[in-house]
């Protein structure tokens, strides 16, 4: 019978080393856009770059005008919540 993959959300009151050894993936919380790169690199170092996924949700403000300038949400769009 196949095993069900386990993704640990946040720290789960465990050390990052424990999570890297025992979990199949790490699921983290939304962060500033630069943070996932650092957190992904740390996860790959802990797991030996063994292909274990690092998952993180992202809040995106989409525009109705695909040709509009980047980073300018529509005036009637709700603003993203801070983590």
PDB file of N, CA and C in Angstrom:
ATOM      1  N   UNK A   1       0.849  -1.179   0.000  1.00  0.00           N
ATOM      2  CA  UNK A   1       0.000   0.000   0.000  1.00  0.00           C
ATOM      3  C   UNK A   1       0.896   1.245   0.000  1.00  0.00           C
ATOM      4  N   UNK A   2       0.621   2.210  -0.904  1.00  0.00           N
ATOM      5  CA  UNK A   2       1.463   3.410  -0.957  1.00  0.00           C
ATOM      6  C   UNK A   2       1.269   4.283   0.273  1.00  0.00           C
ATOM      7  N   UNK A   3       2.331   4.976   0.641  1.00  0.00           N
ATOM      8  CA  UNK A   3       2.271   5.897   1.775  1.00  0.00           C
ATOM      9  C   UNK A   3       1.682   7.234   1.343  1.00  0.00           C
ATOM     10  N   UNK A   4       1.015   7.897   2.256  1.00  0.00           N
ATOM     11  CA  UNK A   4       0.471   9.223   1.993  1.00  0.00           C
ATOM     12  C   UNK A   4       1.563  10.246   2.292  1.00  0.00           C
ATOM     13  N   UNK A   5       1.907  11.107   1.329  1.00  0.00           N
ATOM     14  CA  UNK A   5       2.937  12.121   1.594  1.00  0.00           C
ATOM     15  C   UNK A   5       2.485  13.089   2.684  1.00  0.00           C
ATOM     16  N   UNK A   6       3.410  13.482   3.525  1.00  0.00           N
ATOM     17  CA  UNK A   6       3.130  14.399   4.627  1.00  0.00           C
ATOM     18  C   UNK A   6       3.883  15.708   4.400  1.00  0.00           C
ATOM     19  N   UNK A   7       3.134  16.823   4.382  1.00  0.00           N
ATOM     20  CA  UNK A   7       3.731  18.159   4.332  1.00  0.00           C
ATOM     21  C   UNK A   7       3.508  18.801   5.692  1.00  0.00           C
ATOM     22  N   UNK A   8       4.573  19.247   6.315  1.00  0.00           N
ATOM     23  CA  UNK A   8       4.488  19.900   7.618  1.00  0.00           C
ATOM     24  C   UNK A   8       4.244  21.385   7.398  1.00  0.00           C
ATOM     25  N   UNK A   9       3.192  21.913   8.032  1.00  0.00           N
ATOM     26  CA  UNK A   9       2.873  23.340   7.914  1.00  0.00           C
ATOM     27  C   UNK A   9       3.586  24.110   9.018  1.00  0.00           C
ATOM     28  N   UNK A  10       4.310  25.154   8.614  1.00  0.00           N
ATOM     29  CA  UNK A  10       5.035  25.960   9.597  1.00  0.00           C
ATOM     30  C   UNK A  10       6.106  25.129  10.270  1.00  0.00           C
ATOM     31  N   UNK A  11       6.260  25.339  11.566  1.00  0.00           N
ATOM     32  CA  UNK A  11       7.269  24.612  12.320  1.00  0.00           C
ATOM     33  C   UNK A  11       6.737  23.385  13.041  1.00  0.00           C
ATOM     34  N   UNK A  12       5.433  23.322  13.249  1.00  0.00           N
ATOM     35  CA  UNK A  12       4.800  22.177  13.914  1.00  0.00           C
ATOM     36  C   UNK A  12       5.493  21.830  15.235  1.00  0.00           C
ATOM     37  N   UNK A  13       6.059  22.823  15.894  1.00  0.00           N
ATOM     38  CA  UNK A  13       6.777  22.656  17.160  1.00  0.00           C
ATOM     39  C   UNK A  13       7.929  21.665  17.037  1.00  0.00           C
ATOM     40  N   UNK A  14       8.544  21.647  15.840  1.00  0.00           N
ATOM     41  CA  UNK A  14       9.692  20.779  15.582  1.00  0.00           C
ATOM     42  C   UNK A  14      10.836  21.645  15.061  1.00  0.00           C
ATOM     43  N   UNK A  15      12.033  21.099  15.093  1.00  0.00           N
ATOM     44  CA  UNK A  15      13.169  21.820  14.528  1.00  0.00           C
ATOM     45  C   UNK A  15      13.125  21.684  13.003  1.00  0.00           C
ATOM     46  N   UNK A  16      13.728  22.640  12.298  1.00  0.00           N
ATOM     47  CA  UNK A  16      13.789  22.505  10.834  1.00  0.00           C
ATOM     48  C   UNK A  16      14.492  21.219  10.394  1.00  0.00           C
ATOM     49  N   UNK A  17      15.483  20.786  11.150  1.00  0.00           N
ATOM     50  CA  UNK A  17      16.196  19.545  10.818  1.00  0.00           C
ATOM     51  C   UNK A  17      15.279  18.336  10.935  1.00  0.00           C
ATOM     52  N   UNK A  18      14.440  18.307  11.971  1.00  0.00           N
ATOM     53  CA  UNK A  18      13.503  17.194  12.147  1.00  0.00           C
ATOM     54  C   UNK A  18      12.513  17.153  10.986  1.00  0.00           C
ATOM     55  N   UNK A  19      12.000  18.317  10.622  1.00  0.00           N
ATOM     56  CA  UNK A  19      11.039  18.389   9.516  1.00  0.00           C
ATOM     57  C   UNK A  19      11.687  17.904   8.224  1.00  0.00           C
ATOM     58  N   UNK A  20      12.919  18.348   7.961  1.00  0.00           N
ATOM     59  CA  UNK A  20      13.624  17.934   6.751  1.00  0.00           C
ATOM     60  C   UNK A  20      13.822  16.425   6.702  1.00  0.00           C
ATOM     61  N   UNK A  21      14.065  15.823   7.848  1.00  0.00           N
ATOM     62  CA  UNK A  21      14.302  14.366   7.895  1.00  0.00           C
ATOM     63  C   UNK A  21      13.016  13.555   7.790  1.00  0.00           C
ATOM     64  N   UNK A  22      11.941  14.016   8.437  1.00  0.00           N
ATOM     65  CA  UNK A  22      10.739  13.186   8.569  1.00  0.00           C
ATOM     66  C   UNK A  22       9.575  13.554   7.652  1.00  0.00           C
ATOM     67  N   UNK A  23       9.560  14.765   7.122  1.00  0.00           N
ATOM     68  CA  UNK A  23       8.439  15.188   6.275  1.00  0.00           C
ATOM     69  C   UNK A  23       8.777  14.975   4.803  1.00  0.00           C
ATOM     70  N   UNK A  24       7.739  14.873   3.990  1.00  0.00           N
ATOM     71  CA  UNK A  24       7.921  14.764   2.544  1.00  0.00           C
ATOM     72  C   UNK A  24       7.979  16.134   1.876  1.00  0.00           C
ATOM     73  N   UNK A  25       7.475  17.169   2.579  1.00  0.00           N
ATOM     74  CA  UNK A  25       7.476  18.532   2.048  1.00  0.00           C
ATOM     75  C   UNK A  25       7.320  19.509   3.206  1.00  0.00           C
ATOM     76  N   UNK A  26       7.718  20.748   2.965  1.00  0.00           N
ATOM     77  CA  UNK A  26       7.530  21.814   3.935  1.00  0.00           C
ATOM     78  C   UNK A  26       6.516  22.790   3.362  1.00  0.00           C
ATOM     79  N   UNK A  27       5.483  23.096   4.145  1.00  0.00           N
ATOM     80  CA  UNK A  27       4.454  24.058   3.743  1.00  0.00           C
ATOM     81  C   UNK A  27       4.579  25.252   4.663  1.00  0.00           C
ATOM     82  N   UNK A  28       4.953  26.395   4.103  1.00  0.00           N
ATOM     83  CA  UNK A  28       5.170  27.563   4.928  1.00  0.00           C
ATOM     84  C   UNK A  28       4.098  28.597   4.694  1.00  0.00           C
ATOM     85  N   UNK A  29       4.156  29.680   5.426  1.00  0.00           N
ATOM     86  CA  UNK A  29       3.146  30.730   5.376  1.00  0.00           C
ATOM     87  C   UNK A  29       3.544  31.809   4.380  1.00  0.00           C
ATOM     88  N   UNK A  30       2.576  32.612   3.918  1.00  0.00           N
ATOM     89  CA  UNK A  30       2.930  33.700   2.991  1.00  0.00           C
ATOM     90  C   UNK A  30       3.942  34.645   3.624  1.00  0.00           C
ATOM     91  N   UNK A  31       4.884  35.077   2.837  1.00  0.00           N
ATOM     92  CA  UNK A  31       5.936  35.988   3.289  1.00  0.00           C
ATOM     93  C   UNK A  31       6.183  37.022   2.201  1.00  0.00           C
ATOM     94  N   UNK A  32       7.061  37.983   2.503  1.00  0.00           N
ATOM     95  CA  UNK A  32       7.471  38.940   1.480  1.00  0.00           C
ATOM     96  C   UNK A  32       8.051  38.182   0.290  1.00  0.00           C
ATOM     97  N   UNK A  33       8.015  38.796  -0.879  1.00  0.00           N
ATOM     98  CA  UNK A  33       8.428  38.106  -2.099  1.00  0.00           C
ATOM     99  C   UNK A  33       9.867  37.612  -2.087  1.00  0.00           C
ATOM    100  N   UNK A  34      10.776  38.242  -1.366  1.00  0.00           N
ATOM    101  CA  UNK A  34      12.162  37.788  -1.340  1.00  0.00           C
ATOM    102  C   UNK A  34      12.383  36.587  -0.439  1.00  0.00           C
ATOM    103  N   UNK A  35      11.512  36.372   0.518  1.00  0.00           N
ATOM    104  CA  UNK A  35      11.709  35.309   1.508  1.00  0.00           C
ATOM    105  C   UNK A  35      11.633  33.897   0.935  1.00  0.00           C
ATOM    106  N   UNK A  36      10.718  33.585   0.014  1.00  0.00           N
ATOM    107  CA  UNK A  36      10.664  32.202  -0.488  1.00  0.00           C
ATOM    108  C   UNK A  36      11.973  31.720  -1.101  1.00  0.00           C
ATOM    109  N   UNK A  37      12.714  32.601  -1.743  1.00  0.00           N
ATOM    110  CA  UNK A  37      13.997  32.186  -2.331  1.00  0.00           C
ATOM    111  C   UNK A  37      14.961  31.720  -1.235  1.00  0.00           C
ATOM    112  N   UNK A  38      15.070  32.505  -0.154  1.00  0.00           N
ATOM    113  CA  UNK A  38      15.950  32.145   0.957  1.00  0.00           C
ATOM    114  C   UNK A  38      15.456  30.871   1.639  1.00  0.00           C
ATOM    115  N   UNK A  39      14.149  30.809   1.926  1.00  0.00           N
ATOM    116  CA  UNK A  39      13.589  29.641   2.617  1.00  0.00           C
ATOM    117  C   UNK A  39      13.727  28.386   1.758  1.00  0.00           C
ATOM    118  N   UNK A  40      13.551  28.509   0.450  1.00  0.00           N
ATOM    119  CA  UNK A  40      13.707  27.359  -0.446  1.00  0.00           C
ATOM    120  C   UNK A  40      15.150  26.881  -0.438  1.00  0.00           C
ATOM    121  N   UNK A  41      16.092  27.818  -0.473  1.00  0.00           N
ATOM    122  CA  UNK A  41      17.517  27.456  -0.438  1.00  0.00           C
ATOM    123  C   UNK A  41      17.852  26.734   0.870  1.00  0.00           C
ATOM    124  N   UNK A  42      17.357  27.264   2.002  1.00  0.00           N
ATOM    125  CA  UNK A  42      17.596  26.611   3.293  1.00  0.00           C
ATOM    126  C   UNK A  42      17.011  25.202   3.306  1.00  0.00           C
ATOM    127  N   UNK A  43      15.794  25.040   2.770  1.00  0.00           N
ATOM    128  CA  UNK A  43      15.135  23.730   2.725  1.00  0.00           C
ATOM    129  C   UNK A  43      15.954  22.757   1.870  1.00  0.00           C
ATOM    130  N   UNK A  44      16.440  23.205   0.734  1.00  0.00           N
ATOM    131  CA  UNK A  44      17.241  22.336  -0.132  1.00  0.00           C
ATOM    132  C   UNK A  44      18.543  21.928   0.552  1.00  0.00           C
ATOM    133  N   UNK A  45      19.148  22.832   1.309  1.00  0.00           N
ATOM    134  CA  UNK A  45      20.369  22.486   2.037  1.00  0.00           C
ATOM    135  C   UNK A  45      20.080  21.450   3.117  1.00  0.00           C
ATOM    136  N   UNK A  46      18.970  21.596   3.820  1.00  0.00           N
ATOM    137  CA  UNK A  46      18.624  20.642   4.887  1.00  0.00           C
ATOM    138  C   UNK A  46      18.246  19.266   4.338  1.00  0.00           C
ATOM    139  N   UNK A  47      17.608  19.239   3.173  1.00  0.00           N
ATOM    140  CA  UNK A  47      17.152  17.961   2.627  1.00  0.00           C
ATOM    141  C   UNK A  47      18.172  17.357   1.665  1.00  0.00           C
ATOM    142  N   UNK A  48      19.304  18.026   1.505  1.00  0.00           N
ATOM    143  CA  UNK A  48      20.311  17.510   0.589  1.00  0.00           C
ATOM    144  C   UNK A  48      19.882  17.637  -0.858  1.00  0.00           C
ATOM    145  N   UNK A  49      18.987  18.589  -1.126  1.00  0.00           N
ATOM    146  CA  UNK A  49      18.466  18.797  -2.476  1.00  0.00           C
ATOM    147  C   UNK A  49      17.899  17.494  -3.026  1.00  0.00           C
ATOM    148  N   UNK A  50      17.240  16.734  -2.149  1.00  0.00           N
ATOM    149  CA  UNK A  50      16.699  15.434  -2.535  1.00  0.00           C
ATOM    150  C   UNK A  50      15.340  15.475  -3.203  1.00  0.00           C
ATOM    151  N   UNK A  51      14.923  16.627  -3.656  1.00  0.00           N
ATOM    152  CA  UNK A  51      13.667  16.697  -4.383  1.00  0.00           C
ATOM    153  C   UNK A  51      12.436  16.849  -3.515  1.00  0.00           C
ATOM    154  N   UNK A  52      12.604  17.128  -2.217  1.00  0.00           N
ATOM    155  CA  UNK A  52      11.442  17.349  -1.363  1.00  0.00           C
ATOM    156  C   UNK A  52      10.920  18.765  -1.611  1.00  0.00           C
ATOM    157  N   UNK A  53       9.635  18.909  -1.906  1.00  0.00           N
ATOM    158  CA  UNK A  53       9.102  20.229  -2.233  1.00  0.00           C
ATOM    159  C   UNK A  53       9.044  21.186  -1.046  1.00  0.00           C
ATOM    160  N   UNK A  54       9.221  22.448  -1.347  1.00  0.00           N
ATOM    161  CA  UNK A  54       8.984  23.540  -0.406  1.00  0.00           C
ATOM    162  C   UNK A  54       7.785  24.304  -0.955  1.00  0.00           C
ATOM    163  N   UNK A  55       6.708  24.341  -0.208  1.00  0.00           N
ATOM    164  CA  UNK A  55       5.459  24.949  -0.665  1.00  0.00           C
ATOM    165  C   UNK A  55       5.173  26.225   0.109  1.00  0.00           C
ATOM    166  N   UNK A  56       4.691  27.238  -0.583  1.00  0.00           N
ATOM    167  CA  UNK A  56       4.289  28.473   0.082  1.00  0.00           C
ATOM    168  C   UNK A  56       3.175  29.126  -0.725  1.00  0.00           C
ATOM    169  N   UNK A  57       2.108  29.561  -0.063  1.00  0.00           N
ATOM    170  CA  UNK A  57       1.059  30.288  -0.786  1.00  0.00           C
ATOM    171  C   UNK A  57       1.528  31.714  -1.073  1.00  0.00           C
ATOM    172  N   UNK A  58       0.939  32.331  -2.072  1.00  0.00           N
ATOM    173  CA  UNK A  58       1.260  33.714  -2.409  1.00  0.00           C
ATOM    174  C   UNK A  58      -0.033  34.491  -2.603  1.00  0.00           C
ATOM    175  N   UNK A  59      -0.023  35.727  -2.183  1.00  0.00           N
ATOM    176  CA  UNK A  59      -1.156  36.616  -2.398  1.00  0.00           C
ATOM    177  C   UNK A  59      -0.839  37.437  -3.639  1.00  0.00           C
ATOM    178  N   UNK A  60      -1.697  37.352  -4.640  1.00  0.00           N
ATOM    179  CA  UNK A  60      -1.486  38.080  -5.877  1.00  0.00           C
ATOM    180  C   UNK A  60      -2.648  39.037  -6.109  1.00  0.00           C
ATOM    181  N   UNK A  61      -2.349  40.220  -6.532  1.00  0.00           N
ATOM    182  CA  UNK A  61      -3.372  41.187  -6.931  1.00  0.00           C
ATOM    183  C   UNK A  61      -3.408  41.183  -8.457  1.00  0.00           C
ATOM    184  N   UNK A  62      -4.438  40.580  -9.022  1.00  0.00           N
ATOM    185  CA  UNK A  62      -4.539  40.460 -10.471  1.00  0.00           C
ATOM    186  C   UNK A  62      -5.213  41.695 -11.060  1.00  0.00           C
ATOM    187  N   UNK A  63      -4.833  42.023 -12.274  1.00  0.00           N
ATOM    188  CA  UNK A  63      -5.405  43.162 -12.971  1.00  0.00           C
ATOM    189  C   UNK A  63      -6.308  42.673 -14.090  1.00  0.00           C
ATOM    190  N   UNK A  64      -7.338  43.434 -14.381  1.00  0.00           N
ATOM    191  CA  UNK A  64      -8.202  43.072 -15.507  1.00  0.00           C
ATOM    192  C   UNK A  64      -7.550  43.478 -16.823  1.00  0.00           C
ATOM    193  N   UNK A  65      -6.639  44.454 -16.801  1.00  0.00           N
ATOM    194  CA  UNK A  65      -5.951  44.913 -17.999  1.00  0.00           C
ATOM    195  C   UNK A  65      -4.581  44.255 -18.070  1.00  0.00           C
ATOM    196  N   UNK A  66      -4.433  43.251 -18.930  1.00  0.00           N
ATOM    197  CA  UNK A  66      -3.166  42.530 -19.044  1.00  0.00           C
ATOM    198  C   UNK A  66      -2.040  43.428 -19.539  1.00  0.00           C
ATOM    199  N   UNK A  67      -2.366  44.535 -20.165  1.00  0.00           N
ATOM    200  CA  UNK A  67      -1.359  45.451 -20.677  1.00  0.00           C
ATOM    201  C   UNK A  67      -1.028  46.565 -19.677  1.00  0.00           C
ATOM    202  N   UNK A  68      -1.696  46.568 -18.517  1.00  0.00           N
ATOM    203  CA  UNK A  68      -1.474  47.605 -17.517  1.00  0.00           C
ATOM    204  C   UNK A  68      -0.096  47.507 -16.904  1.00  0.00           C
ATOM    205  N   UNK A  69       0.335  48.577 -16.241  1.00  0.00           N
ATOM    206  CA  UNK A  69       1.662  48.555 -15.615  1.00  0.00           C
ATOM    207  C   UNK A  69       1.718  47.550 -14.464  1.00  0.00           C
ATOM    208  N   UNK A  70       2.849  46.880 -14.285  1.00  0.00           N
ATOM    209  CA  UNK A  70       2.949  45.903 -13.193  1.00  0.00           C
ATOM    210  C   UNK A  70       2.885  46.594 -11.836  1.00  0.00           C
ATOM    211  N   UNK A  71       2.343  45.866 -10.874  1.00  0.00           N
ATOM    212  CA  UNK A  71       2.320  46.346  -9.501  1.00  0.00           C
ATOM    213  C   UNK A  71       1.280  47.403  -9.210  1.00  0.00           C
ATOM    214  N   UNK A  72       0.320  47.584 -10.102  1.00  0.00           N
ATOM    215  CA  UNK A  72      -0.722  48.581  -9.831  1.00  0.00           C
ATOM    216  C   UNK A  72      -2.085  47.906  -9.870  1.00  0.00           C
ATOM    217  N   UNK A  73      -2.581  47.431  -8.718  1.00  0.00           N
ATOM    218  CA  UNK A  73      -3.885  46.764  -8.698  1.00  0.00           C
ATOM    219  C   UNK A  73      -4.995  47.732  -9.074  1.00  0.00           C
ATOM    220  N   UNK A  74      -6.091  47.172  -9.507  1.00  0.00           N
ATOM    221  CA  UNK A  74      -7.246  47.967  -9.874  1.00  0.00           C
ATOM    222  C   UNK A  74      -7.756  48.718  -8.640  1.00  0.00           C
ATOM    223  N   UNK A  75      -8.294  49.937  -8.822  1.00  0.00           N
ATOM    224  CA  UNK A  75      -8.767  50.741  -7.677  1.00  0.00           C
ATOM    225  C   UNK A  75      -9.818  50.036  -6.842  1.00  0.00           C
ATOM    226  N   UNK A  76     -10.642  49.201  -7.456  1.00  0.00           N
ATOM    227  CA  UNK A  76     -11.710  48.554  -6.681  1.00  0.00           C
ATOM    228  C   UNK A  76     -11.291  47.183  -6.145  1.00  0.00           C
ATOM    229  N   UNK A  77     -10.017  46.798  -6.317  1.00  0.00           N
ATOM    230  CA  UNK A  77      -9.544  45.509  -5.817  1.00  0.00           C
ATOM    231  C   UNK A  77      -9.314  45.583  -4.322  1.00  0.00           C
ATOM    232  N   UNK A  78      -9.643  44.514  -3.612  1.00  0.00           N
ATOM    233  CA  UNK A  78      -9.289  44.495  -2.193  1.00  0.00           C
ATOM    234  C   UNK A  78      -7.780  44.421  -2.044  1.00  0.00           C
ATOM    235  N   UNK A  79      -7.244  45.082  -1.051  1.00  0.00           N
ATOM    236  CA  UNK A  79      -5.807  45.011  -0.846  1.00  0.00           C
ATOM    237  C   UNK A  79      -5.460  43.708  -0.163  1.00  0.00           C
ATOM    238  N   UNK A  80      -4.301  43.125  -0.516  1.00  0.00           N
ATOM    239  CA  UNK A  80      -3.899  41.854   0.090  1.00  0.00           C
ATOM    240  C   UNK A  80      -3.677  42.011   1.593  1.00  0.00           C
ATOM    241  N   UNK A  81      -3.996  40.948   2.298  1.00  0.00           N
ATOM    242  CA  UNK A  81      -3.785  40.949   3.757  1.00  0.00           C
ATOM    243  C   UNK A  81      -2.321  40.715   4.053  1.00  0.00           C
ATOM    244  N   UNK A  82      -1.850  41.338   5.100  1.00  0.00           N
ATOM    245  CA  UNK A  82      -0.480  41.100   5.549  1.00  0.00           C
ATOM    246  C   UNK A  82      -0.420  39.818   6.337  1.00  0.00           C
ATOM    247  N   UNK A  83       0.659  39.030   6.172  1.00  0.00           N
ATOM    248  CA  UNK A  83       0.780  37.782   6.941  1.00  0.00           C
ATOM    249  C   UNK A  83       1.001  38.046   8.404  1.00  0.00           C
TER     250      UNK A  83
END
